[in-house]
Amino acid sequence: MQAPHSAFAALAQGSVSVPGNAPWWRRFFAFIGPGYLIAVGYMDPGNWATDIGGGSAFGYMLLSVVLAASVMAMLLQALSVRLGVAARLDLAQACRAFYPRPVSIGLWILCEIAIVACDLAEVLGTAIALQLLFHLPLLWGVIVTAFDVFLILALQRFGFRKLEAVIIALLMVIAGCFAFELAIAGPNWMQAAVGLVPSQQIITDPKALYLAIGILGATVMPHNLYLHSALVQTRTIADDDHAKAQAIGLATLDSTIALFFAFFINAAILMLAAATFHRAGRTEIADISQASDLLTPFVGVASTVFAVALLASGQNSTVTGTLAGQIVMEGFLDLRLPVWLRRLVTRLLAVVPAAIIVAAKGDRGATELLILSQVILSLQLPFAVVPLVSFTNRREVMGRFANPRWLACAAWVATGLIVVLNAALLWNLVYH
């Protein structure tokens, strides 16, 4: 089936050439990029909050949960790759093509709410970073983030490959910051290795279970599933089964490596909290700004490095959130808005409530709003995961690239686990 018309596709589809007869490593190099744009969503401020809470409360024990969440993310993003390459559809286009109009519109509304919620976390994360670095009042930091639309416009003018390079560079900054902090903090590597093995206490201890659900709930971002299925189409892929199979393999390798990179950063955040706060008996830390303030007595300049990493994370998430919003609107509605207008509307929908809450309740309100954004994302997640798994299982959509039985079973198990855990997270937040 031909993909519905999309301005994004017209601009970017096939815009990155892939050498046909070159060695595999050169072809793989051509596919490097989309996975790293996706990985950004797995290390946003929502992840930071849950990782800090888990590390400070339980040391290294919840590293196994971070690992499990990362493996599930690798599986789901691999399905996004298969949909984009084999069907030449992104997830939003597939919903519009195969679902009744009312269902498609409903899914679009839910996805837009999730994108605004994600943008809300980016606004608050960037504002907190500006406060930590420059002592800018949190309210002013929230207002300043409204103007990053100009950053997006500037980056997109230079082409897709340059945009990917900027994202990867910022990810390297984040990774370098946490590698530096871990080197200074001196974590117990043996305990960290033990923490990668699931512990029965995660199930039996209500607080540990709550934090574990929070880590899982904050990991898989709904808009990433839409975004990835579109981004893989930026590569030139011949319309034959051999070329598609090769592209699926290389693009999946790209996203798997990138998500392992995200796993390292999330694990590093948790390990830093374990090596500093938990070891010192500070088991109640869950606030990002509080964590940064308290890092200085433990590891010197690490609080500044922490803030730099947070700022880089917020800006990275801003770029990918903009792309996701553009793809979702075009895919579901075939409605094309100027990029600056699309970005400005989304950012204002996040900035206005953030500014009101921060002005009324101060820094504490920012933390509560950050948690709320994760709840909204958790609510929307099943409405992205279930269509993705369903489409990639259907031969009429995927042809010979429909999921084999083992992959379909693994995908439904992961989907069921995500749905149940996100429901449990919502239940705990509402009734406890």
Protein backbone atom coordinates (compact mmCIF):
# COMPACT_ATOMS: atom_id res chain seq x y z
CA MET A 1 0.00 0.00 0.00
CA GLN A 2 1.27 3.47 -0.82
CA ALA A 3 1.94 5.76 2.11
CA PRO A 4 -0.45 8.67 2.48
CA HIS A 5 0.99 11.95 1.34
CA SER A 6 3.15 13.64 3.94
CA ALA A 7 5.12 16.87 3.79
CA PHE A 8 7.66 15.32 6.13
CA ALA A 9 8.08 12.37 3.78
CA ALA A 10 8.38 14.67 0.78
CA LEU A 11 11.13 16.58 2.58
CA ALA A 12 13.05 13.77 4.24
CA GLN A 13 12.14 10.37 2.77
CA GLY A 14 15.18 8.90 1.08
CA SER A 15 17.20 12.05 1.81
CA VAL A 16 20.15 10.07 3.23
CA SER A 17 21.81 7.88 0.61
CA VAL A 18 22.88 4.32 1.38
CA PRO A 19 25.76 2.91 -0.72
CA GLY A 20 24.44 -0.21 -2.44
CA ASN A 21 27.54 -2.34 -3.00
CA ALA A 22 29.76 -1.00 -0.23
CA PRO A 23 31.04 -3.10 2.72
CA TRP A 24 28.41 -3.66 5.42
CA TRP A 25 30.09 -1.23 7.85
CA ARG A 26 29.74 1.61 5.34
CA ARG A 27 26.09 0.77 4.82
CA PHE A 28 25.61 0.57 8.59
CA PHE A 29 27.21 4.00 8.96
CA ALA A 30 24.53 5.38 6.63
CA PHE A 31 21.85 4.04 8.98
CA ILE A 32 23.37 5.52 12.14
CA GLY A 33 21.27 8.44 13.41
CA PRO A 34 17.56 7.67 13.85
CA GLY A 35 18.26 5.36 16.80
CA TYR A 36 19.99 8.17 18.65
CA LEU A 37 17.12 10.57 18.06
CA ILE A 38 14.88 7.90 19.58
CA ALA A 39 17.25 7.25 22.48
CA VAL A 40 16.78 10.86 23.57
CA GLY A 41 13.24 10.04 24.73
CA TYR A 42 14.58 7.35 27.04
CA MET A 43 16.66 9.73 29.12
CA ASP A 44 14.40 12.76 29.57
CA PRO A 45 13.78 14.50 32.94
CA GLY A 46 11.00 12.02 33.77
CA ASN A 47 13.54 9.19 33.66
CA TRP A 48 15.95 11.26 35.74
CA ALA A 49 13.40 11.65 38.52
CA THR A 50 12.57 7.93 38.73
CA ASP A 51 16.24 6.85 38.50
CA ILE A 52 17.30 9.27 41.24
CA GLY A 53 14.45 8.10 43.47
CA GLY A 54 15.29 4.44 42.89
CA GLY A 55 19.03 4.82 43.47
CA SER A 56 18.71 6.91 46.61
CA ALA A 57 16.07 4.64 48.19
CA PHE A 58 17.36 1.18 47.24
CA GLY A 59 20.94 1.55 46.08
CA TYR A 60 21.75 -0.59 43.06
CA MET A 61 18.83 -3.01 43.41
CA LEU A 62 16.64 -1.45 40.72
CA LEU A 63 19.32 -1.63 38.02
CA SER A 64 17.64 -4.86 36.92
CA VAL A 65 14.45 -2.86 36.27
CA VAL A 66 16.35 -0.30 34.19
CA LEU A 67 17.82 -3.19 32.18
CA ALA A 68 14.42 -4.86 31.68
CA ALA A 69 12.84 -1.58 30.59
CA SER A 70 15.66 -1.02 28.10
CA VAL A 71 15.25 -4.50 26.59
CA MET A 72 11.50 -3.91 26.14
CA ALA A 73 12.27 -0.56 24.52
CA MET A 74 14.71 -2.24 22.09
CA LEU A 75 12.00 -4.72 21.10
CA LEU A 76 9.31 -2.10 20.49
CA GLN A 77 11.61 0.22 18.55
CA ALA A 78 12.64 -2.75 16.40
CA LEU A 79 8.96 -3.19 15.52
CA SER A 80 8.79 0.51 14.56
CA VAL A 81 11.72 -0.07 12.22
CA ARG A 82 9.96 -3.05 10.60
CA LEU A 83 6.78 -1.03 10.04
CA GLY A 84 8.60 1.94 8.52
CA VAL A 85 10.82 -0.10 6.19
CA ALA A 86 8.52 -2.95 5.13
CA ALA A 87 5.20 -1.10 4.87
CA ARG A 88 6.68 2.33 4.01
CA LEU A 89 4.25 3.75 6.57
CA ASP A 90 4.85 5.49 9.85
CA LEU A 91 2.59 4.45 12.72
CA ALA A 92 0.31 7.48 12.37
CA GLN A 93 -0.15 6.85 8.63
CA ALA A 94 -0.92 3.18 9.31
CA CYS A 95 -3.60 4.15 11.83
CA ARG A 96 -5.19 6.53 9.33
CA ALA A 97 -5.04 3.93 6.55
CA PHE A 98 -6.39 0.89 8.42
CA TYR A 99 -8.59 2.20 11.26
CA PRO A 100 -12.04 3.82 11.01
CA ARG A 101 -11.92 7.59 11.00
CA PRO A 102 -13.30 8.05 14.57
CA VAL A 103 -10.72 5.60 15.96
CA SER A 104 -7.92 7.33 14.09
CA ILE A 105 -9.00 10.77 15.34
CA GLY A 106 -9.23 9.47 18.91
CA LEU A 107 -5.70 8.04 18.72
CA TRP A 108 -4.44 11.34 17.29
CA ILE A 109 -5.92 13.33 20.19
CA LEU A 110 -4.37 10.97 22.73
CA CYS A 111 -1.02 11.19 20.99
CA GLU A 112 -1.12 15.00 20.92
CA ILE A 113 -1.84 15.01 24.67
CA ALA A 114 1.15 12.73 25.21
CA ILE A 115 3.43 14.99 23.14
CA VAL A 116 2.39 18.02 25.19
CA ALA A 117 2.98 16.03 28.39
CA CYS A 118 6.44 15.05 27.17
CA ASP A 119 7.13 18.66 26.22
CA LEU A 120 6.06 19.66 29.72
CA ALA A 121 8.80 17.46 31.18
CA GLU A 122 11.31 19.02 28.79
CA VAL A 123 10.22 22.54 29.79
CA LEU A 124 10.62 21.77 33.49
CA GLY A 125 13.91 19.93 33.01
CA THR A 126 15.40 22.80 31.01
CA ALA A 127 14.10 25.38 33.50
CA ILE A 128 15.61 23.46 36.42
CA ALA A 129 18.94 23.23 34.57
CA LEU A 130 18.94 27.01 33.92
CA GLN A 131 18.16 27.59 37.58
CA LEU A 132 21.05 25.35 38.69
CA LEU A 133 23.56 26.81 36.23
CA PHE A 134 22.65 30.51 36.21
CA HIS A 135 20.45 30.93 39.32
CA LEU A 136 17.62 31.95 37.01
CA PRO A 137 14.28 31.82 38.88
CA LEU A 138 12.34 28.74 37.85
CA LEU A 139 9.43 30.79 36.49
CA TRP A 140 11.73 32.79 34.21
CA GLY A 141 13.40 29.56 33.10
CA VAL A 142 10.01 28.18 32.07
CA ILE A 143 9.29 31.33 30.06
CA VAL A 144 12.71 31.25 28.36
CA THR A 145 12.03 27.74 27.07
CA ALA A 146 9.21 29.14 24.91
CA PHE A 147 11.84 30.59 22.59
CA ASP A 148 13.67 27.36 21.75
CA VAL A 149 11.43 27.14 18.67
CA PHE A 150 14.14 29.22 16.97
CA LEU A 151 16.72 26.55 17.80
CA ILE A 152 14.60 23.95 16.03
CA LEU A 153 14.17 26.13 12.95
CA ALA A 154 17.90 26.80 12.77
CA LEU A 155 18.80 23.11 13.02
CA GLN A 156 16.27 21.90 10.44
CA ARG A 157 17.61 24.29 7.83
CA PHE A 158 20.90 22.37 7.69
CA GLY A 159 19.38 19.03 6.70
CA PHE A 160 18.56 15.79 8.41
CA ARG A 161 22.09 14.39 8.68
CA LYS A 162 23.33 17.56 10.41
CA LEU A 163 20.39 17.42 12.81
CA GLU A 164 21.30 13.86 13.75
CA ALA A 165 24.93 14.91 14.29
CA VAL A 166 23.86 17.64 16.75
CA ILE A 167 21.71 15.15 18.69
CA ILE A 168 24.54 12.61 18.89
CA ALA A 169 26.96 15.33 20.03
CA LEU A 170 24.61 16.35 22.86
CA LEU A 171 24.21 12.70 23.85
CA MET A 172 27.98 12.44 24.06
CA VAL A 173 27.98 15.46 26.38
CA ILE A 174 25.42 13.78 28.64
CA ALA A 175 27.35 10.49 28.65
CA GLY A 176 30.63 12.29 29.33
CA CYS A 177 29.10 14.18 32.24
CA PHE A 178 27.88 11.01 33.92
CA ALA A 179 31.09 9.09 33.22
CA PHE A 180 32.93 11.93 34.98
CA GLU A 181 30.51 11.93 37.91
CA LEU A 182 30.69 8.16 38.33
CA ALA A 183 34.49 8.28 38.30
CA ILE A 184 34.43 10.81 41.14
CA ALA A 185 31.62 9.15 43.11
CA GLY A 186 33.33 5.75 43.08
CA PRO A 187 30.34 3.36 42.91
CA ASN A 188 30.58 -0.19 44.20
CA TRP A 189 30.85 -2.05 40.90
CA MET A 190 30.33 -5.46 42.48
CA GLN A 191 27.03 -4.34 44.03
CA ALA A 192 26.07 -2.76 40.72
CA ALA A 193 26.65 -6.09 38.94
CA VAL A 194 24.50 -7.86 41.53
CA GLY A 195 21.82 -5.19 41.01
CA LEU A 196 21.45 -6.26 37.36
CA VAL A 197 19.96 -9.56 38.62
CA PRO A 198 16.27 -9.23 39.62
CA SER A 199 15.66 -9.36 43.37
CA GLN A 200 12.59 -10.76 45.09
CA GLN A 201 12.50 -7.63 47.24
CA ILE A 202 11.37 -5.63 44.21
CA ILE A 203 8.06 -7.52 44.35
CA THR A 204 7.68 -7.91 48.12
CA ASP A 205 8.58 -4.32 49.13
CA PRO A 206 5.70 -1.97 48.18
CA LYS A 207 7.97 1.08 47.86
CA ALA A 208 10.47 -0.80 45.69
CA LEU A 209 7.63 -2.07 43.49
CA TYR A 210 6.23 1.46 43.17
CA LEU A 211 9.61 2.83 42.08
CA ALA A 212 10.14 -0.11 39.71
CA ILE A 213 6.79 0.57 38.06
CA GLY A 214 7.73 4.25 37.84
CA ILE A 215 11.00 3.40 36.06
CA LEU A 216 9.20 1.15 33.58
CA GLY A 217 6.38 3.64 33.11
CA ALA A 218 8.76 6.51 32.38
CA THR A 219 10.91 4.56 29.94
CA VAL A 220 8.94 3.82 26.76
CA MET A 221 7.74 7.08 25.23
CA PRO A 222 4.61 6.79 23.03
CA HIS A 223 5.71 9.41 20.51
CA ASN A 224 8.98 7.52 19.90
CA LEU A 225 7.07 4.68 18.28
CA TYR A 226 5.53 7.13 15.79
CA LEU A 227 8.79 8.99 15.28
CA HIS A 228 11.04 6.00 14.64
CA SER A 229 8.77 4.48 11.99
CA ALA A 230 9.09 7.76 10.05
CA LEU A 231 12.79 8.42 10.64
CA VAL A 232 13.94 5.09 9.15
CA GLN A 233 12.34 6.19 5.88
CA THR A 234 14.90 9.00 5.58
CA ARG A 235 17.30 6.36 4.19
CA THR A 236 17.25 5.34 0.52
CA ILE A 237 15.94 1.76 0.46
CA ALA A 238 15.29 -0.13 -2.77
CA ASP A 239 11.79 -1.55 -3.16
CA ASP A 240 12.76 -5.23 -3.05
CA ASP A 241 12.72 -7.80 -0.26
CA HIS A 242 16.48 -8.21 -0.04
CA ALA A 243 17.08 -4.46 0.36
CA LYS A 244 14.28 -4.18 2.91
CA ALA A 245 15.59 -7.12 4.96
CA GLN A 246 19.05 -5.60 4.98
CA ALA A 247 17.68 -2.18 5.94
CA ILE A 248 15.61 -3.65 8.79
CA GLY A 249 18.70 -5.41 10.15
CA LEU A 250 20.95 -2.34 9.97
CA ALA A 251 18.35 0.10 11.32
CA THR A 252 17.52 -2.28 14.17
CA LEU A 253 21.22 -2.53 15.02
CA ASP A 254 21.40 1.28 15.05
CA SER A 255 18.49 1.62 17.48
CA THR A 256 19.67 -1.26 19.69
CA ILE A 257 23.13 0.26 20.11
CA ALA A 258 21.61 3.70 20.76
CA LEU A 259 19.22 2.31 23.37
CA PHE A 260 22.07 0.48 25.06
CA PHE A 261 23.69 3.92 25.23
CA ALA A 262 20.48 5.22 26.86
CA PHE A 263 20.59 2.28 29.28
CA PHE A 264 24.11 3.32 30.29
CA ILE A 265 22.98 6.87 31.03
CA ASN A 266 19.90 5.79 33.00
CA ALA A 267 21.97 3.24 34.89
CA ALA A 268 24.59 5.91 35.56
CA ILE A 269 21.97 8.26 37.06
CA LEU A 270 20.72 5.49 39.35
CA MET A 271 24.26 4.43 40.28
CA LEU A 272 25.25 8.02 41.05
CA ALA A 273 22.29 8.33 43.42
CA ALA A 274 23.20 4.98 45.00
CA ALA A 275 26.87 5.87 45.40
CA THR A 276 26.19 9.26 46.97
CA PHE A 277 22.79 9.55 48.61
CA HIS A 278 22.00 5.91 49.48
CA ARG A 279 25.50 5.24 50.78
CA ALA A 280 25.24 8.32 53.01
CA GLY A 281 21.80 7.31 54.33
CA ARG A 282 19.93 9.94 52.28
CA THR A 283 17.22 7.60 51.00
CA GLU A 284 14.47 10.13 50.40
CA ILE A 285 15.92 12.07 47.44
CA ALA A 286 13.59 12.17 44.42
CA ASP A 287 13.66 15.81 43.34
CA ILE A 288 16.04 16.69 40.49
CA SER A 289 17.05 20.14 41.79
CA GLN A 290 17.39 18.79 45.32
CA ALA A 291 19.63 16.01 44.03
CA SER A 292 21.87 18.52 42.25
CA ASP A 293 22.18 20.74 45.33
CA LEU A 294 23.08 17.80 47.53
CA LEU A 295 25.67 16.37 45.11
CA THR A 296 28.21 19.11 45.81
CA PRO A 297 29.13 18.03 49.36
CA PHE A 298 29.61 14.46 48.10
CA VAL A 299 31.48 14.88 44.80
CA GLY A 300 32.47 18.53 44.47
CA VAL A 301 31.78 20.06 41.06
CA ALA A 302 29.50 17.20 40.03
CA SER A 303 26.40 19.31 40.66
CA THR A 304 27.43 21.71 37.87
CA VAL A 305 28.20 18.82 35.53
CA PHE A 306 24.83 17.31 36.46
CA ALA A 307 23.08 20.55 35.45
CA VAL A 308 24.95 20.70 32.13
CA ALA A 309 23.81 17.15 31.35
CA LEU A 310 20.24 18.06 32.29
CA LEU A 311 20.29 21.09 29.99
CA ALA A 312 21.62 18.96 27.11
CA SER A 313 18.90 16.37 27.79
CA GLY A 314 16.15 19.00 27.71
CA GLN A 315 17.36 20.47 24.42
CA ASN A 316 17.74 17.07 22.81
CA SER A 317 14.21 16.12 23.81
CA THR A 318 12.94 19.41 22.40
CA VAL A 319 14.26 18.55 18.93
CA THR A 320 12.82 15.05 18.81
CA GLY A 321 9.51 16.20 20.31
CA THR A 322 9.14 18.72 17.49
CA LEU A 323 9.78 16.09 14.83
CA ALA A 324 7.32 13.70 16.47
CA GLY A 325 4.61 16.37 16.59
CA GLN A 326 5.07 17.13 12.91
CA ILE A 327 4.93 13.44 11.92
CA VAL A 328 1.90 12.69 14.09
CA MET A 329 -0.17 15.60 12.78
CA GLU A 330 0.65 14.88 9.14
CA GLY A 331 0.22 11.13 9.51
CA PHE A 332 -3.16 11.18 11.24
CA LEU A 333 -4.75 14.24 9.59
CA ASP A 334 -2.72 14.97 6.46
CA LEU A 335 -2.63 18.47 7.95
CA ARG A 336 0.56 20.40 7.33
CA LEU A 337 1.46 23.41 9.44
CA PRO A 338 4.66 25.47 9.24
CA VAL A 339 7.23 23.92 11.56
CA TRP A 340 7.57 27.11 13.60
CA LEU A 341 3.80 27.28 14.17
CA ARG A 342 3.53 23.62 15.10
CA ARG A 343 6.43 23.98 17.54
CA LEU A 344 5.13 27.22 19.04
CA VAL A 345 1.65 25.80 19.70
CA THR A 346 3.02 22.65 21.37
CA ARG A 347 5.51 24.58 23.47
CA LEU A 348 2.93 27.15 24.61
CA LEU A 349 0.57 24.34 25.65
CA ALA A 350 3.38 23.14 27.91
CA VAL A 351 4.75 26.50 29.05
CA VAL A 352 1.44 28.05 30.14
CA PRO A 353 0.46 25.38 32.72
CA ALA A 354 4.08 25.08 33.87
CA ALA A 355 4.33 28.83 34.44
CA ILE A 356 0.99 28.94 36.29
CA ILE A 357 1.88 26.03 38.59
CA VAL A 358 5.41 27.29 39.30
CA ALA A 359 4.12 30.80 40.01
CA ALA A 360 1.47 29.45 42.38
CA LYS A 361 3.36 26.64 44.12
CA GLY A 362 7.05 27.30 43.52
CA ASP A 363 9.69 24.62 42.98
CA ARG A 364 7.58 21.93 44.64
CA GLY A 365 4.88 22.51 42.07
CA ALA A 366 7.41 21.84 39.30
CA THR A 367 8.17 18.40 40.73
CA GLU A 368 4.47 17.57 41.06
CA LEU A 369 3.87 18.67 37.48
CA LEU A 370 6.79 16.56 36.29
CA ILE A 371 5.23 13.50 37.93
CA LEU A 372 1.85 14.34 36.38
CA SER A 373 3.42 14.46 32.92
CA GLN A 374 4.70 10.91 33.41
CA VAL A 375 1.23 9.74 34.44
CA ILE A 376 -0.25 11.20 31.24
CA LEU A 377 2.42 9.46 29.18
CA SER A 378 1.66 6.19 30.95
CA LEU A 379 -2.03 6.53 30.15
CA GLN A 380 -1.36 7.06 26.45
CA LEU A 381 1.28 4.36 26.01
CA PRO A 382 -1.04 1.37 25.38
CA PHE A 383 -2.78 3.33 22.61
CA ALA A 384 0.53 3.46 20.72
CA VAL A 385 1.97 0.04 21.59
CA VAL A 386 -1.11 -2.04 20.77
CA PRO A 387 -1.56 -0.64 17.21
CA LEU A 388 2.18 -1.03 16.54
CA VAL A 389 2.24 -4.69 17.55
CA SER A 390 -1.04 -5.35 15.74
CA PHE A 391 0.11 -3.80 12.44
CA THR A 392 3.50 -5.53 12.42
CA ASN A 393 1.75 -8.89 12.98
CA ARG A 394 -0.55 -8.41 9.96
CA ARG A 395 0.60 -9.84 6.64
CA GLU A 396 -1.69 -7.51 4.66
CA VAL A 397 0.28 -4.58 6.09
CA MET A 398 3.79 -6.05 6.27
CA GLY A 399 3.85 -8.66 3.51
CA ARG A 400 6.54 -11.29 4.13
CA PHE A 401 7.99 -9.07 6.88
CA ALA A 402 5.09 -9.68 9.26
CA ASN A 403 6.41 -10.67 12.68
CA PRO A 404 7.38 -14.33 12.97
CA ARG A 405 5.57 -16.23 15.70
CA TRP A 406 8.34 -15.90 18.28
CA LEU A 407 8.58 -12.13 17.76
CA ALA A 408 4.81 -11.70 17.86
CA CYS A 409 4.63 -13.61 21.16
CA ALA A 410 7.49 -11.58 22.66
CA ALA A 411 5.85 -8.35 21.51
CA TRP A 412 2.48 -9.21 23.05
CA VAL A 413 4.12 -10.29 26.32
CA ALA A 414 6.01 -6.99 26.49
CA THR A 415 2.83 -5.11 25.61
CA GLY A 416 0.84 -6.86 28.31
CA LEU A 417 3.55 -6.19 30.88
CA ILE A 418 3.74 -2.51 29.96
CA VAL A 419 -0.04 -2.10 30.08
CA VAL A 420 -0.35 -3.83 33.47
CA LEU A 421 2.57 -1.96 35.04
CA ASN A 422 1.42 1.41 33.74
CA ALA A 423 -2.06 0.72 35.07
CA ALA A 424 -0.53 -0.18 38.44
CA LEU A 425 1.52 3.03 38.39
CA LEU A 426 -1.60 5.08 37.73
CA TRP A 427 -3.52 3.24 40.47
CA ASN A 428 -0.75 3.92 43.00
CA LEU A 429 -0.50 7.59 42.10
CA VAL A 430 -4.27 8.12 42.34
CA TYR A 431 -5.06 6.08 45.44
CA HIS A 432 -1.88 6.29 47.56
